[in-house]
Amino acid sequence: MSSRRPWRLAGALALTLALVAGCGSTDTGEKSGAAVATRVFAADNGDVTIPVDPKRVVATGYAVPALIEADAALVGVSTWKRGLALMTDEDLATYNGLAKVAGETAAETNYEAIAAAKPDLIVIGVPRPVLADIDMDRLKSIAPVVAIGPTSPSAWRELSRRQSDAAGRLSAFEATKAEYERKAAGLAAKYKDALAGVDFGHVGSYGEIAKGTFHREFAGSWGTNIAQDVGVTYYGQVKKKGGGGLDVSEYPSIEELPKSLGDADAVTYSLNPDGSVSEAVQYVLDSKLWKNLPAVKAGKVFPLRYTEAVTYSSGLRTLDAIDQAFAPLLDR
């Protein structure tokens, strides 16, 4: 529900959040006069009693793509503009057909629209600090609310699992996860020799030109974590950990480019989903300092699409993009 950069800044405050699987005892509750099997689910907002098999689910933030892919019984979602380009045609059609009960930020929550959707479960997919922007008591008066939000960039694996579990769609999640892991393992075998002993650096999309900074991402960050599943090694670490995304990425000045990436044997950088280069990345590519990097001079530069995947289904597209980008390695 929050914009790309703001959720990262908020996520940086969530340094110590633990990812705890939500499962517990099963009881029988009452709703609208009908017996409903319930269980206790461990969420970011505490232990919450939820239906075992929710029939009407509202999802917001990072829960939107996860629950669409898991074929949850959705009756309303927040908008998720940042991820539309990563959706399959089928999932995009599902998204377009659902009522939009919130916008891109927590402050854009439409409580009346959520109530009108008559959910029996609400899954809030925003970082814990952002929950302060939501009237949780008002939501709880509508239906049980579980908050399951991001902590670090690579945590989408466990995040989407917990969200699918809450919605009673864990089996669908596991099937897609298995497909992703098979493809990743195949690519890791394909590029094993080509990637052996190669230290990579990565330039992300969120440097700020006005401030003269670029976005350096390390292992476990947005642009790197899926490539790591293929066997890519990203060297180095941030100078000072700031929690969340700031544990695995930083924003040095452009003058620090040689120091930051000078030891890289190869460099990847993020593309927009359509394959174009963002202004922040182009700023780096146009720099004379970039052109003088050893990896760049050696021609070992690999642009990557779909680096913001946050589900196993969208991650499959990222794996295909990595395969396409690394194909020249097999010809050397």
C-alpha atoms as a PDB file:
ATOM      1  CA  MET A   1       0.000   0.000   0.000  1.00  0.00           C
ATOM      2  CA  SER A   2       2.967   2.276   0.319  1.00  0.00           C
ATOM      3  CA  SER A   3       5.099   3.517  -2.558  1.00  0.00           C
ATOM      4  CA  ARG A   4       8.335   1.740  -3.419  1.00  0.00           C
ATOM      5  CA  ARG A   5      10.805   4.031  -1.750  1.00  0.00           C
ATOM      6  CA  PRO A   6       8.631   4.895   1.289  1.00  0.00           C
ATOM      7  CA  TRP A   7       8.025   1.260   2.232  1.00  0.00           C
ATOM      8  CA  ARG A   8      11.739   0.700   2.133  1.00  0.00           C
ATOM      9  CA  LEU A   9      12.376   3.583   4.435  1.00  0.00           C
ATOM     10  CA  ALA A  10       9.651   2.326   6.730  1.00  0.00           C
ATOM     11  CA  GLY A  11      10.982  -1.193   6.461  1.00  0.00           C
ATOM     12  CA  ALA A  12      14.368   0.037   7.559  1.00  0.00           C
ATOM     13  CA  LEU A  13      12.815   0.808  10.933  1.00  0.00           C
ATOM     14  CA  ALA A  14      11.707  -2.795  11.316  1.00  0.00           C
ATOM     15  CA  LEU A  15      15.207  -4.047  12.053  1.00  0.00           C
ATOM     16  CA  THR A  16      14.301  -6.633  14.648  1.00  0.00           C
ATOM     17  CA  LEU A  17      11.072  -8.071  13.265  1.00  0.00           C
ATOM     18  CA  ALA A  18      10.934 -11.863  13.297  1.00  0.00           C
ATOM     19  CA  LEU A  19       9.136 -13.903  10.678  1.00  0.00           C
ATOM     20  CA  VAL A  20       6.978 -16.336  12.632  1.00  0.00           C
ATOM     21  CA  ALA A  21       4.808 -18.897  10.871  1.00  0.00           C
ATOM     22  CA  GLY A  22       1.148 -18.512  11.664  1.00  0.00           C
ATOM     23  CA  CYS A  23      -0.442 -21.705  12.873  1.00  0.00           C
ATOM     24  CA  GLY A  24      -2.186 -22.771  16.023  1.00  0.00           C
ATOM     25  CA  SER A  25      -5.166 -24.508  17.522  1.00  0.00           C
ATOM     26  CA  THR A  26      -8.406 -25.053  15.653  1.00  0.00           C
ATOM     27  CA  ASP A  27     -11.715 -24.229  17.326  1.00  0.00           C
ATOM     28  CA  THR A  28     -15.289 -23.711  16.267  1.00  0.00           C
ATOM     29  CA  GLY A  29     -16.575 -20.161  16.266  1.00  0.00           C
ATOM     30  CA  GLU A  30     -19.778 -18.480  15.265  1.00  0.00           C
ATOM     31  CA  LYS A  31     -20.296 -15.972  12.490  1.00  0.00           C
ATOM     32  CA  SER A  32     -23.674 -14.841  11.196  1.00  0.00           C
ATOM     33  CA  GLY A  33     -25.265 -17.759  12.997  1.00  0.00           C
ATOM     34  CA  ALA A  34     -23.237 -20.409  11.141  1.00  0.00           C
ATOM     35  CA  ALA A  35     -20.525 -22.543  12.729  1.00  0.00           C
ATOM     36  CA  VAL A  36     -17.101 -21.555  11.402  1.00  0.00           C
ATOM     37  CA  ALA A  37     -13.910 -23.473  12.097  1.00  0.00           C
ATOM     38  CA  THR A  38     -11.234 -21.109  13.390  1.00  0.00           C
ATOM     39  CA  ARG A  39      -7.595 -21.174  14.363  1.00  0.00           C
ATOM     40  CA  VAL A  40      -5.116 -18.840  16.041  1.00  0.00           C
ATOM     41  CA  PHE A  41      -2.675 -17.219  13.629  1.00  0.00           C
ATOM     42  CA  ALA A  42       0.558 -15.517  14.711  1.00  0.00           C
ATOM     43  CA  ALA A  43       0.714 -12.192  12.848  1.00  0.00           C
ATOM     44  CA  ASP A  44       2.741  -9.009  13.165  1.00  0.00           C
ATOM     45  CA  ASN A  45      -0.138  -7.565  15.189  1.00  0.00           C
ATOM     46  CA  GLY A  46      -0.270 -10.499  17.613  1.00  0.00           C
ATOM     47  CA  ASP A  47      -2.213 -13.762  17.810  1.00  0.00           C
ATOM     48  CA  VAL A  48      -5.447 -13.446  15.841  1.00  0.00           C
ATOM     49  CA  THR A  49      -8.348 -15.884  15.628  1.00  0.00           C
ATOM     50  CA  ILE A  50      -9.184 -16.353  11.950  1.00  0.00           C
ATOM     51  CA  PRO A  51     -11.309 -18.732   9.850  1.00  0.00           C
ATOM     52  CA  VAL A  52      -9.584 -21.956   8.847  1.00  0.00           C
ATOM     53  CA  ASP A  53     -10.996 -21.580   5.330  1.00  0.00           C
ATOM     54  CA  PRO A  54     -11.748 -17.883   4.662  1.00  0.00           C
ATOM     55  CA  LYS A  55     -14.482 -17.317   2.087  1.00  0.00           C
ATOM     56  CA  ARG A  56     -14.214 -13.548   1.608  1.00  0.00           C
ATOM     57  CA  VAL A  57     -10.717 -12.069   1.866  1.00  0.00           C
ATOM     58  CA  VAL A  58      -9.532  -8.482   1.547  1.00  0.00           C
ATOM     59  CA  ALA A  59      -5.813  -8.049   0.818  1.00  0.00           C
ATOM     60  CA  THR A  60      -3.639  -4.949   0.825  1.00  0.00           C
ATOM     61  CA  GLY A  61      -0.034  -4.100   0.026  1.00  0.00           C
ATOM     62  CA  TYR A  62       2.312  -7.032  -0.479  1.00  0.00           C
ATOM     63  CA  ALA A  63      -0.498  -9.474   0.225  1.00  0.00           C
ATOM     64  CA  VAL A  64      -2.191  -8.528  -3.055  1.00  0.00           C
ATOM     65  CA  PRO A  65       0.060 -10.351  -5.548  1.00  0.00           C
ATOM     66  CA  ALA A  66       0.677 -13.247  -3.169  1.00  0.00           C
ATOM     67  CA  LEU A  67      -3.015 -13.956  -2.626  1.00  0.00           C
ATOM     68  CA  ILE A  68      -3.991 -13.448  -6.247  1.00  0.00           C
ATOM     69  CA  GLU A  69      -1.385 -16.025  -7.247  1.00  0.00           C
ATOM     70  CA  ALA A  70      -2.514 -18.390  -4.489  1.00  0.00           C
ATOM     71  CA  ASP A  71      -6.093 -18.185  -5.821  1.00  0.00           C
ATOM     72  CA  ALA A  72      -7.427 -16.918  -2.496  1.00  0.00           C
ATOM     73  CA  ALA A  73     -11.111 -16.086  -2.145  1.00  0.00           C
ATOM     74  CA  LEU A  74     -10.547 -12.375  -2.668  1.00  0.00           C
ATOM     75  CA  VAL A  75     -13.367  -9.836  -2.629  1.00  0.00           C
ATOM     76  CA  GLY A  76     -11.253  -6.671  -2.525  1.00  0.00           C
ATOM     77  CA  VAL A  77      -7.655  -5.501  -2.813  1.00  0.00           C
ATOM     78  CA  SER A  78      -5.582  -2.356  -2.636  1.00  0.00           C
ATOM     79  CA  THR A  79      -4.082  -1.092  -5.858  1.00  0.00           C
ATOM     80  CA  TRP A  80      -0.694  -2.604  -6.691  1.00  0.00           C
ATOM     81  CA  LYS A  81       0.531  -0.573  -9.657  1.00  0.00           C
ATOM     82  CA  ARG A  82       4.192  -1.370  -9.090  1.00  0.00           C
ATOM     83  CA  GLY A  83       3.641  -5.072  -9.708  1.00  0.00           C
ATOM     84  CA  LEU A  84       1.258  -5.116 -12.662  1.00  0.00           C
ATOM     85  CA  ALA A  85       4.045  -5.655 -15.186  1.00  0.00           C
ATOM     86  CA  LEU A  86       5.117  -8.796 -13.331  1.00  0.00           C
ATOM     87  CA  MET A  87       1.673 -10.425 -13.295  1.00  0.00           C
ATOM     88  CA  THR A  88       0.597 -13.148 -15.681  1.00  0.00           C
ATOM     89  CA  ASP A  89      -2.314 -12.305 -17.981  1.00  0.00           C
ATOM     90  CA  GLU A  90      -4.602 -14.452 -15.831  1.00  0.00           C
ATOM     91  CA  ASP A  91      -3.535 -12.817 -12.577  1.00  0.00           C
ATOM     92  CA  LEU A  92      -3.807  -9.350 -14.112  1.00  0.00           C
ATOM     93  CA  ALA A  93      -7.357 -10.131 -15.220  1.00  0.00           C
ATOM     94  CA  THR A  94      -8.162 -11.216 -11.665  1.00  0.00           C
ATOM     95  CA  TYR A  95      -6.644  -8.030 -10.258  1.00  0.00           C
ATOM     96  CA  ASN A  96      -8.556  -5.827 -12.683  1.00  0.00           C
ATOM     97  CA  GLY A  97     -11.817  -7.558 -11.793  1.00  0.00           C
ATOM     98  CA  LEU A  98     -11.510  -7.060  -8.037  1.00  0.00           C
ATOM     99  CA  ALA A  99     -12.916  -4.130  -6.101  1.00  0.00           C
ATOM    100  CA  LYS A 100     -10.185  -1.669  -5.100  1.00  0.00           C
ATOM    101  CA  VAL A 101     -10.661  -0.916  -1.410  1.00  0.00           C
ATOM    102  CA  ALA A 102      -7.411   0.988  -0.844  1.00  0.00           C
ATOM    103  CA  GLY A 103      -4.739   2.858  -2.765  1.00  0.00           C
ATOM    104  CA  GLU A 104      -0.964   2.607  -2.908  1.00  0.00           C
ATOM    105  CA  THR A 105      -0.442   3.929   0.620  1.00  0.00           C
ATOM    106  CA  ALA A 106      -1.867   2.962   3.991  1.00  0.00           C
ATOM    107  CA  ALA A 107      -3.416   6.413   4.283  1.00  0.00           C
ATOM    108  CA  GLU A 108      -5.557   5.595   1.239  1.00  0.00           C
ATOM    109  CA  THR A 109      -7.477   2.827   3.010  1.00  0.00           C
ATOM    110  CA  ASN A 110     -11.209   3.033   2.233  1.00  0.00           C
ATOM    111  CA  TYR A 111     -12.876   1.601   5.323  1.00  0.00           C
ATOM    112  CA  GLU A 112     -16.374   1.951   3.901  1.00  0.00           C
ATOM    113  CA  ALA A 113     -15.385  -0.016   0.794  1.00  0.00           C
ATOM    114  CA  ILE A 114     -13.817  -2.739   2.917  1.00  0.00           C
ATOM    115  CA  ALA A 115     -16.960  -3.016   5.024  1.00  0.00           C
ATOM    116  CA  ALA A 116     -19.093  -3.172   1.878  1.00  0.00           C
ATOM    117  CA  ALA A 117     -17.033  -6.145   0.647  1.00  0.00           C
ATOM    118  CA  LYS A 118     -18.154  -8.081   3.763  1.00  0.00           C
ATOM    119  CA  PRO A 119     -14.833  -9.894   4.326  1.00  0.00           C
ATOM    120  CA  ASP A 120     -14.332 -12.661   6.852  1.00  0.00           C
ATOM    121  CA  LEU A 121     -10.572 -11.980   6.835  1.00  0.00           C
ATOM    122  CA  ILE A 122      -8.419  -8.912   6.141  1.00  0.00           C
ATOM    123  CA  VAL A 123      -4.732  -9.424   5.318  1.00  0.00           C
ATOM    124  CA  ILE A 124      -2.635  -6.272   5.645  1.00  0.00           C
ATOM    125  CA  GLY A 125       0.694  -6.531   3.799  1.00  0.00           C
ATOM    126  CA  VAL A 126       2.615  -3.469   4.954  1.00  0.00           C
ATOM    127  CA  PRO A 127       5.667  -3.052   7.224  1.00  0.00           C
ATOM    128  CA  ARG A 128       4.883  -2.874  10.917  1.00  0.00           C
ATOM    129  CA  PRO A 129       5.783   0.844  11.225  1.00  0.00           C
ATOM    130  CA  VAL A 130       3.212   1.667   8.522  1.00  0.00           C
ATOM    131  CA  LEU A 131       0.440   0.102  10.598  1.00  0.00           C
ATOM    132  CA  ALA A 132       0.349   3.385  12.508  1.00  0.00           C
ATOM    133  CA  ASP A 133      -1.295   4.906   9.429  1.00  0.00           C
ATOM    134  CA  ILE A 134      -4.170   2.415   9.599  1.00  0.00           C
ATOM    135  CA  ASP A 135      -7.161   2.501  11.924  1.00  0.00           C
ATOM    136  CA  MET A 136      -6.764  -1.098  13.078  1.00  0.00           C
ATOM    137  CA  ASP A 137      -9.650  -0.920  15.543  1.00  0.00           C
ATOM    138  CA  ARG A 138     -11.967   0.124  12.754  1.00  0.00           C
ATOM    139  CA  LEU A 139     -10.786  -2.748  10.558  1.00  0.00           C
ATOM    140  CA  LYS A 140     -11.153  -5.228  13.421  1.00  0.00           C
ATOM    141  CA  SER A 141     -14.767  -4.165  13.794  1.00  0.00           C
ATOM    142  CA  ILE A 142     -15.314  -5.414  10.231  1.00  0.00           C
ATOM    143  CA  ALA A 143     -13.407  -8.733  10.277  1.00  0.00           C
ATOM    144  CA  PRO A 144     -10.339 -10.422  11.803  1.00  0.00           C
ATOM    145  CA  VAL A 145      -7.187  -8.590  10.703  1.00  0.00           C
ATOM    146  CA  VAL A 146      -3.759 -10.166  10.240  1.00  0.00           C
ATOM    147  CA  ALA A 147      -0.823  -7.905   9.468  1.00  0.00           C
ATOM    148  CA  ILE A 148       1.957  -9.718   7.598  1.00  0.00           C
ATOM    149  CA  GLY A 149       4.380  -7.163   6.215  1.00  0.00           C
ATOM    150  CA  PRO A 150       7.872  -7.054   4.711  1.00  0.00           C
ATOM    151  CA  THR A 151      11.040  -6.762   6.717  1.00  0.00           C
ATOM    152  CA  SER A 152      14.018  -7.276   4.398  1.00  0.00           C
ATOM    153  CA  PRO A 153      13.933  -7.439   0.572  1.00  0.00           C
ATOM    154  CA  SER A 154      14.617 -11.162   0.336  1.00  0.00           C
ATOM    155  CA  ALA A 155      12.008 -11.999   2.995  1.00  0.00           C
ATOM    156  CA  TRP A 156       9.254 -12.137   0.352  1.00  0.00           C
ATOM    157  CA  ARG A 157       9.605 -15.917   0.318  1.00  0.00           C
ATOM    158  CA  GLU A 158       8.470 -16.346   3.915  1.00  0.00           C
ATOM    159  CA  LEU A 159       6.180 -13.336   3.710  1.00  0.00           C
ATOM    160  CA  SER A 160       4.162 -14.738   0.810  1.00  0.00           C
ATOM    161  CA  ARG A 161       4.054 -18.154   2.479  1.00  0.00           C
ATOM    162  CA  ARG A 162       2.539 -16.708   5.650  1.00  0.00           C
ATOM    163  CA  GLN A 163       0.047 -14.630   3.688  1.00  0.00           C
ATOM    164  CA  SER A 164      -1.040 -17.672   1.671  1.00  0.00           C
ATOM    165  CA  ASP A 165      -1.286 -19.712   4.848  1.00  0.00           C
ATOM    166  CA  ALA A 166      -3.552 -17.117   6.485  1.00  0.00           C
ATOM    167  CA  ALA A 167      -5.838 -17.215   3.459  1.00  0.00           C
ATOM    168  CA  GLY A 168      -6.013 -21.020   3.555  1.00  0.00           C
ATOM    169  CA  ARG A 169      -4.128 -21.440   0.277  1.00  0.00           C
ATOM    170  CA  LEU A 170      -0.829 -22.936   1.401  1.00  0.00           C
ATOM    171  CA  SER A 171      -1.033 -25.858  -1.060  1.00  0.00           C
ATOM    172  CA  ALA A 172      -1.287 -23.501  -4.054  1.00  0.00           C
ATOM    173  CA  PHE A 173       1.680 -21.550  -2.715  1.00  0.00           C
ATOM    174  CA  GLU A 174       3.796 -24.685  -2.305  1.00  0.00           C
ATOM    175  CA  ALA A 175       3.113 -25.745  -5.906  1.00  0.00           C
ATOM    176  CA  THR A 176       4.389 -22.447  -7.311  1.00  0.00           C
ATOM    177  CA  LYS A 177       7.349 -22.478  -4.943  1.00  0.00           C
ATOM    178  CA  ALA A 178       8.331 -25.925  -6.190  1.00  0.00           C
ATOM    179  CA  GLU A 179       8.129 -24.753  -9.806  1.00  0.00           C
ATOM    180  CA  TYR A 180      10.364 -21.776  -9.010  1.00  0.00           C
ATOM    181  CA  GLU A 181      12.904 -23.908  -7.181  1.00  0.00           C
ATOM    182  CA  ARG A 182      13.088 -26.395 -10.067  1.00  0.00           C
ATOM    183  CA  LYS A 183      13.781 -23.615 -12.557  1.00  0.00           C
ATOM    184  CA  ALA A 184      16.323 -21.912 -10.289  1.00  0.00           C
ATOM    185  CA  ALA A 185      18.157 -25.199  -9.750  1.00  0.00           C
ATOM    186  CA  GLY A 186      18.251 -25.811 -13.501  1.00  0.00           C
ATOM    187  CA  LEU A 187      19.742 -22.387 -14.168  1.00  0.00           C
ATOM    188  CA  ALA A 188      22.237 -22.792 -11.345  1.00  0.00           C
ATOM    189  CA  ALA A 189      23.463 -25.991 -13.006  1.00  0.00           C
ATOM    190  CA  LYS A 190      23.497 -24.327 -16.434  1.00  0.00           C
ATOM    191  CA  TYR A 191      25.676 -21.404 -15.310  1.00  0.00           C
ATOM    192  CA  LYS A 192      27.687 -23.128 -12.585  1.00  0.00           C
ATOM    193  CA  ASP A 193      31.016 -23.065 -14.409  1.00  0.00           C
ATOM    194  CA  ALA A 194      30.505 -19.584 -15.884  1.00  0.00           C
ATOM    195  CA  LEU A 195      29.723 -18.054 -12.476  1.00  0.00           C
ATOM    196  CA  ALA A 196      32.335 -19.902 -10.457  1.00  0.00           C
ATOM    197  CA  GLY A 197      34.728 -17.511  -8.728  1.00  0.00           C
ATOM    198  CA  VAL A 198      33.071 -14.401 -10.187  1.00  0.00           C
ATOM    199  CA  ASP A 199      32.366 -11.557  -7.758  1.00  0.00           C
ATOM    200  CA  PHE A 200      29.396  -9.416  -8.822  1.00  0.00           C
ATOM    201  CA  GLY A 201      28.228  -5.950  -7.857  1.00  0.00           C
ATOM    202  CA  HIS A 202      24.776  -4.521  -8.540  1.00  0.00           C
ATOM    203  CA  VAL A 203      23.398  -1.079  -9.348  1.00  0.00           C
ATOM    204  CA  GLY A 204      19.745  -0.623  -8.358  1.00  0.00           C
ATOM    205  CA  SER A 205      17.073   1.788  -9.532  1.00  0.00           C
ATOM    206  CA  TYR A 206      16.763   4.091  -6.554  1.00  0.00           C
ATOM    207  CA  GLY A 207      19.693   6.437  -6.567  1.00  0.00           C
ATOM    208  CA  GLU A 208      18.789  10.122  -6.477  1.00  0.00           C
ATOM    209  CA  ILE A 209      20.240  12.168  -9.298  1.00  0.00           C
ATOM    210  CA  ALA A 210      19.502  15.465  -7.555  1.00  0.00           C
ATOM    211  CA  LYS A 211      21.643  14.324  -4.628  1.00  0.00           C
ATOM    212  CA  GLY A 212      24.327  12.823  -6.830  1.00  0.00           C
ATOM    213  CA  THR A 213      23.875   9.317  -5.412  1.00  0.00           C
ATOM    214  CA  PHE A 214      23.543   5.856  -6.901  1.00  0.00           C
ATOM    215  CA  HIS A 215      21.927   2.735  -5.497  1.00  0.00           C
ATOM    216  CA  ARG A 216      24.406  -0.017  -4.600  1.00  0.00           C
ATOM    217  CA  GLU A 217      22.760  -3.315  -3.737  1.00  0.00           C
ATOM    218  CA  PHE A 218      24.450  -6.207  -1.970  1.00  0.00           C
ATOM    219  CA  ALA A 219      23.454  -9.836  -1.385  1.00  0.00           C
ATOM    220  CA  GLY A 220      19.874 -10.205  -0.186  1.00  0.00           C
ATOM    221  CA  SER A 221      18.649  -6.962  -1.736  1.00  0.00           C
ATOM    222  CA  TRP A 222      15.866  -6.381  -4.298  1.00  0.00           C
ATOM    223  CA  GLY A 223      18.003  -6.622  -7.392  1.00  0.00           C
ATOM    224  CA  THR A 224      20.230  -9.436  -6.172  1.00  0.00           C
ATOM    225  CA  ASN A 225      18.318 -12.021  -4.157  1.00  0.00           C
ATOM    226  CA  ILE A 226      16.814 -13.960  -7.078  1.00  0.00           C
ATOM    227  CA  ALA A 227      20.081 -13.929  -9.033  1.00  0.00           C
ATOM    228  CA  GLN A 228      21.652 -15.492  -5.948  1.00  0.00           C
ATOM    229  CA  ASP A 229      19.291 -18.442  -6.368  1.00  0.00           C
ATOM    230  CA  VAL A 230      20.976 -19.030  -9.725  1.00  0.00           C
ATOM    231  CA  GLY A 231      24.432 -19.027  -8.157  1.00  0.00           C
ATOM    232  CA  VAL A 232      25.514 -15.393  -8.510  1.00  0.00           C
ATOM    233  CA  THR A 233      27.858 -14.191  -5.758  1.00  0.00           C
ATOM    234  CA  TYR A 234      27.535 -10.555  -4.724  1.00  0.00           C
ATOM    235  CA  TYR A 235      30.518  -9.352  -2.731  1.00  0.00           C
ATOM    236  CA  GLY A 236      30.798  -6.696  -0.043  1.00  0.00           C
ATOM    237  CA  GLN A 237      28.368  -5.256   2.483  1.00  0.00           C
ATOM    238  CA  VAL A 238      26.932  -1.922   3.539  1.00  0.00           C
ATOM    239  CA  LYS A 239      29.154   0.387   5.560  1.00  0.00           C
ATOM    240  CA  LYS A 240      26.559   0.693   8.310  1.00  0.00           C
ATOM    241  CA  LYS A 241      23.416  -1.366   8.697  1.00  0.00           C
ATOM    242  CA  GLY A 242      20.251   0.668   9.115  1.00  0.00           C
ATOM    243  CA  GLY A 243      17.667  -2.105   9.370  1.00  0.00           C
ATOM    244  CA  GLY A 244      15.445  -3.633   6.690  1.00  0.00           C
ATOM    245  CA  GLY A 245      16.572  -2.711   3.186  1.00  0.00           C
ATOM    246  CA  LEU A 246      19.350  -0.562   4.573  1.00  0.00           C
ATOM    247  CA  ASP A 247      21.029  -3.733   5.820  1.00  0.00           C
ATOM    248  CA  VAL A 248      21.650  -4.787   2.212  1.00  0.00           C
ATOM    249  CA  SER A 249      21.794  -1.599   0.122  1.00  0.00           C
ATOM    250  CA  GLU A 250      23.186   1.906   0.364  1.00  0.00           C
ATOM    251  CA  TYR A 251      23.260   5.196  -1.530  1.00  0.00           C
ATOM    252  CA  PRO A 252      26.850   6.388  -2.052  1.00  0.00           C
ATOM    253  CA  SER A 253      27.768   9.490  -4.000  1.00  0.00           C
ATOM    254  CA  ILE A 254      28.601   8.931  -7.663  1.00  0.00           C
ATOM    255  CA  GLU A 255      32.207   9.846  -6.867  1.00  0.00           C
ATOM    256  CA  GLU A 256      32.417   6.655  -4.796  1.00  0.00           C
ATOM    257  CA  LEU A 257      31.617   4.453  -7.784  1.00  0.00           C
ATOM    258  CA  PRO A 258      35.231   3.237  -8.304  1.00  0.00           C
ATOM    259  CA  LYS A 259      35.604   2.414  -4.617  1.00  0.00           C
ATOM    260  CA  SER A 260      32.226   0.709  -4.436  1.00  0.00           C
ATOM    261  CA  LEU A 261      32.414  -1.393  -7.612  1.00  0.00           C
ATOM    262  CA  GLY A 262      36.101  -1.327  -8.518  1.00  0.00           C
ATOM    263  CA  ASP A 263      36.696  -4.855  -7.223  1.00  0.00           C
ATOM    264  CA  ALA A 264      33.758  -6.380  -9.086  1.00  0.00           C
ATOM    265  CA  ASP A 265      34.553  -8.995 -11.731  1.00  0.00           C
ATOM    266  CA  ALA A 266      31.093  -8.367 -13.210  1.00  0.00           C
ATOM    267  CA  VAL A 267      28.190  -6.007 -12.598  1.00  0.00           C
ATOM    268  CA  THR A 268      24.442  -6.405 -12.934  1.00  0.00           C
ATOM    269  CA  TYR A 269      22.011  -3.505 -12.948  1.00  0.00           C
ATOM    270  CA  SER A 270      18.239  -3.188 -12.739  1.00  0.00           C
ATOM    271  CA  LEU A 271      16.057  -2.400 -15.738  1.00  0.00           C
ATOM    272  CA  ASN A 272      12.466  -1.254 -15.737  1.00  0.00           C
ATOM    273  CA  PRO A 273       9.988  -4.082 -16.373  1.00  0.00           C
ATOM    274  CA  ASP A 274       9.656  -3.016 -20.026  1.00  0.00           C
ATOM    275  CA  GLY A 275      13.414  -3.288 -20.515  1.00  0.00           C
ATOM    276  CA  SER A 276      14.111   0.436 -20.465  1.00  0.00           C
ATOM    277  CA  VAL A 277      16.721   2.052 -18.231  1.00  0.00           C
ATOM    278  CA  SER A 278      15.541   4.244 -15.347  1.00  0.00           C
ATOM    279  CA  GLU A 279      16.915   7.772 -15.040  1.00  0.00           C
ATOM    280  CA  ALA A 280      18.759   6.823 -11.849  1.00  0.00           C
ATOM    281  CA  VAL A 281      20.561   3.926 -13.533  1.00  0.00           C
ATOM    282  CA  GLN A 282      21.236   5.909 -16.712  1.00  0.00           C
ATOM    283  CA  TYR A 283      22.907   8.530 -14.543  1.00  0.00           C
ATOM    284  CA  VAL A 284      25.407   5.857 -13.507  1.00  0.00           C
ATOM    285  CA  LEU A 285      25.863   4.438 -17.004  1.00  0.00           C
ATOM    286  CA  ASP A 286      26.634   7.891 -18.388  1.00  0.00           C
ATOM    287  CA  SER A 287      29.364   8.526 -15.835  1.00  0.00           C
ATOM    288  CA  LYS A 288      33.003   8.403 -16.930  1.00  0.00           C
ATOM    289  CA  LEU A 289      33.692   6.651 -13.638  1.00  0.00           C
ATOM    290  CA  TRP A 290      31.370   3.837 -14.715  1.00  0.00           C
ATOM    291  CA  LYS A 291      33.062   3.470 -18.077  1.00  0.00           C
ATOM    292  CA  ASN A 292      36.418   3.082 -16.346  1.00  0.00           C
ATOM    293  CA  LEU A 293      35.361   0.261 -14.033  1.00  0.00           C
ATOM    294  CA  PRO A 294      37.343  -2.955 -14.725  1.00  0.00           C
ATOM    295  CA  ALA A 295      34.157  -5.007 -15.118  1.00  0.00           C
ATOM    296  CA  VAL A 296      32.732  -2.527 -17.618  1.00  0.00           C
ATOM    297  CA  LYS A 297      35.951  -2.404 -19.630  1.00  0.00           C
ATOM    298  CA  ALA A 298      35.913  -6.209 -19.728  1.00  0.00           C
ATOM    299  CA  GLY A 299      32.367  -6.210 -21.073  1.00  0.00           C
ATOM    300  CA  LYS A 300      31.023  -8.095 -18.069  1.00  0.00           C
ATOM    301  CA  VAL A 301      27.890  -6.051 -17.502  1.00  0.00           C
ATOM    302  CA  PHE A 302      24.442  -7.675 -17.366  1.00  0.00           C
ATOM    303  CA  PRO A 303      21.148  -5.746 -17.241  1.00  0.00           C
ATOM    304  CA  LEU A 304      18.328  -7.524 -15.390  1.00  0.00           C
ATOM    305  CA  ARG A 305      14.567  -7.099 -15.734  1.00  0.00           C
ATOM    306  CA  TYR A 306      11.926  -7.879 -13.104  1.00  0.00           C
ATOM    307  CA  THR A 307      14.247  -7.338 -10.151  1.00  0.00           C
ATOM    308  CA  GLU A 308      11.350  -6.338  -7.872  1.00  0.00           C
ATOM    309  CA  ALA A 309       9.548  -9.674  -7.883  1.00  0.00           C
ATOM    310  CA  VAL A 310       8.016 -10.443  -4.479  1.00  0.00           C
ATOM    311  CA  THR A 311       6.312 -13.774  -5.184  1.00  0.00           C
ATOM    312  CA  TYR A 312       7.407 -17.109  -6.604  1.00  0.00           C
ATOM    313  CA  SER A 313       5.222 -16.682  -9.679  1.00  0.00           C
ATOM    314  CA  SER A 314       6.682 -13.279 -10.549  1.00  0.00           C
ATOM    315  CA  GLY A 315      10.089 -14.658  -9.625  1.00  0.00           C
ATOM    316  CA  LEU A 316       9.758 -17.117 -12.491  1.00  0.00           C
ATOM    317  CA  ARG A 317       9.798 -14.145 -14.863  1.00  0.00           C
ATOM    318  CA  THR A 318      12.891 -12.838 -13.112  1.00  0.00           C
ATOM    319  CA  LEU A 319      14.615 -16.185 -13.599  1.00  0.00           C
ATOM    320  CA  ASP A 320      13.808 -16.083 -17.320  1.00  0.00           C
ATOM    321  CA  ALA A 321      15.252 -12.563 -17.501  1.00  0.00           C
ATOM    322  CA  ILE A 322      18.420 -13.665 -15.708  1.00  0.00           C
ATOM    323  CA  ASP A 323      18.791 -16.580 -18.104  1.00  0.00           C
ATOM    324  CA  GLN A 324      18.481 -14.214 -21.055  1.00  0.00           C
ATOM    325  CA  ALA A 325      20.979 -11.750 -19.586  1.00  0.00           C
ATOM    326  CA  PHE A 326      23.582 -14.394 -18.737  1.00  0.00           C
ATOM    327  CA  ALA A 327      23.361 -16.321 -22.002  1.00  0.00           C
ATOM    328  CA  PRO A 328      26.504 -14.595 -23.417  1.00  0.00           C
ATOM    329  CA  LEU A 329      28.515 -16.097 -20.553  1.00  0.00           C
ATOM    330  CA  LEU A 330      28.175 -19.509 -22.162  1.00  0.00           C
ATOM    331  CA  ASP A 331      29.758 -18.264 -25.384  1.00  0.00           C
ATOM    332  CA  ARG A 332      32.966 -17.111 -23.692  1.00  0.00           C
END
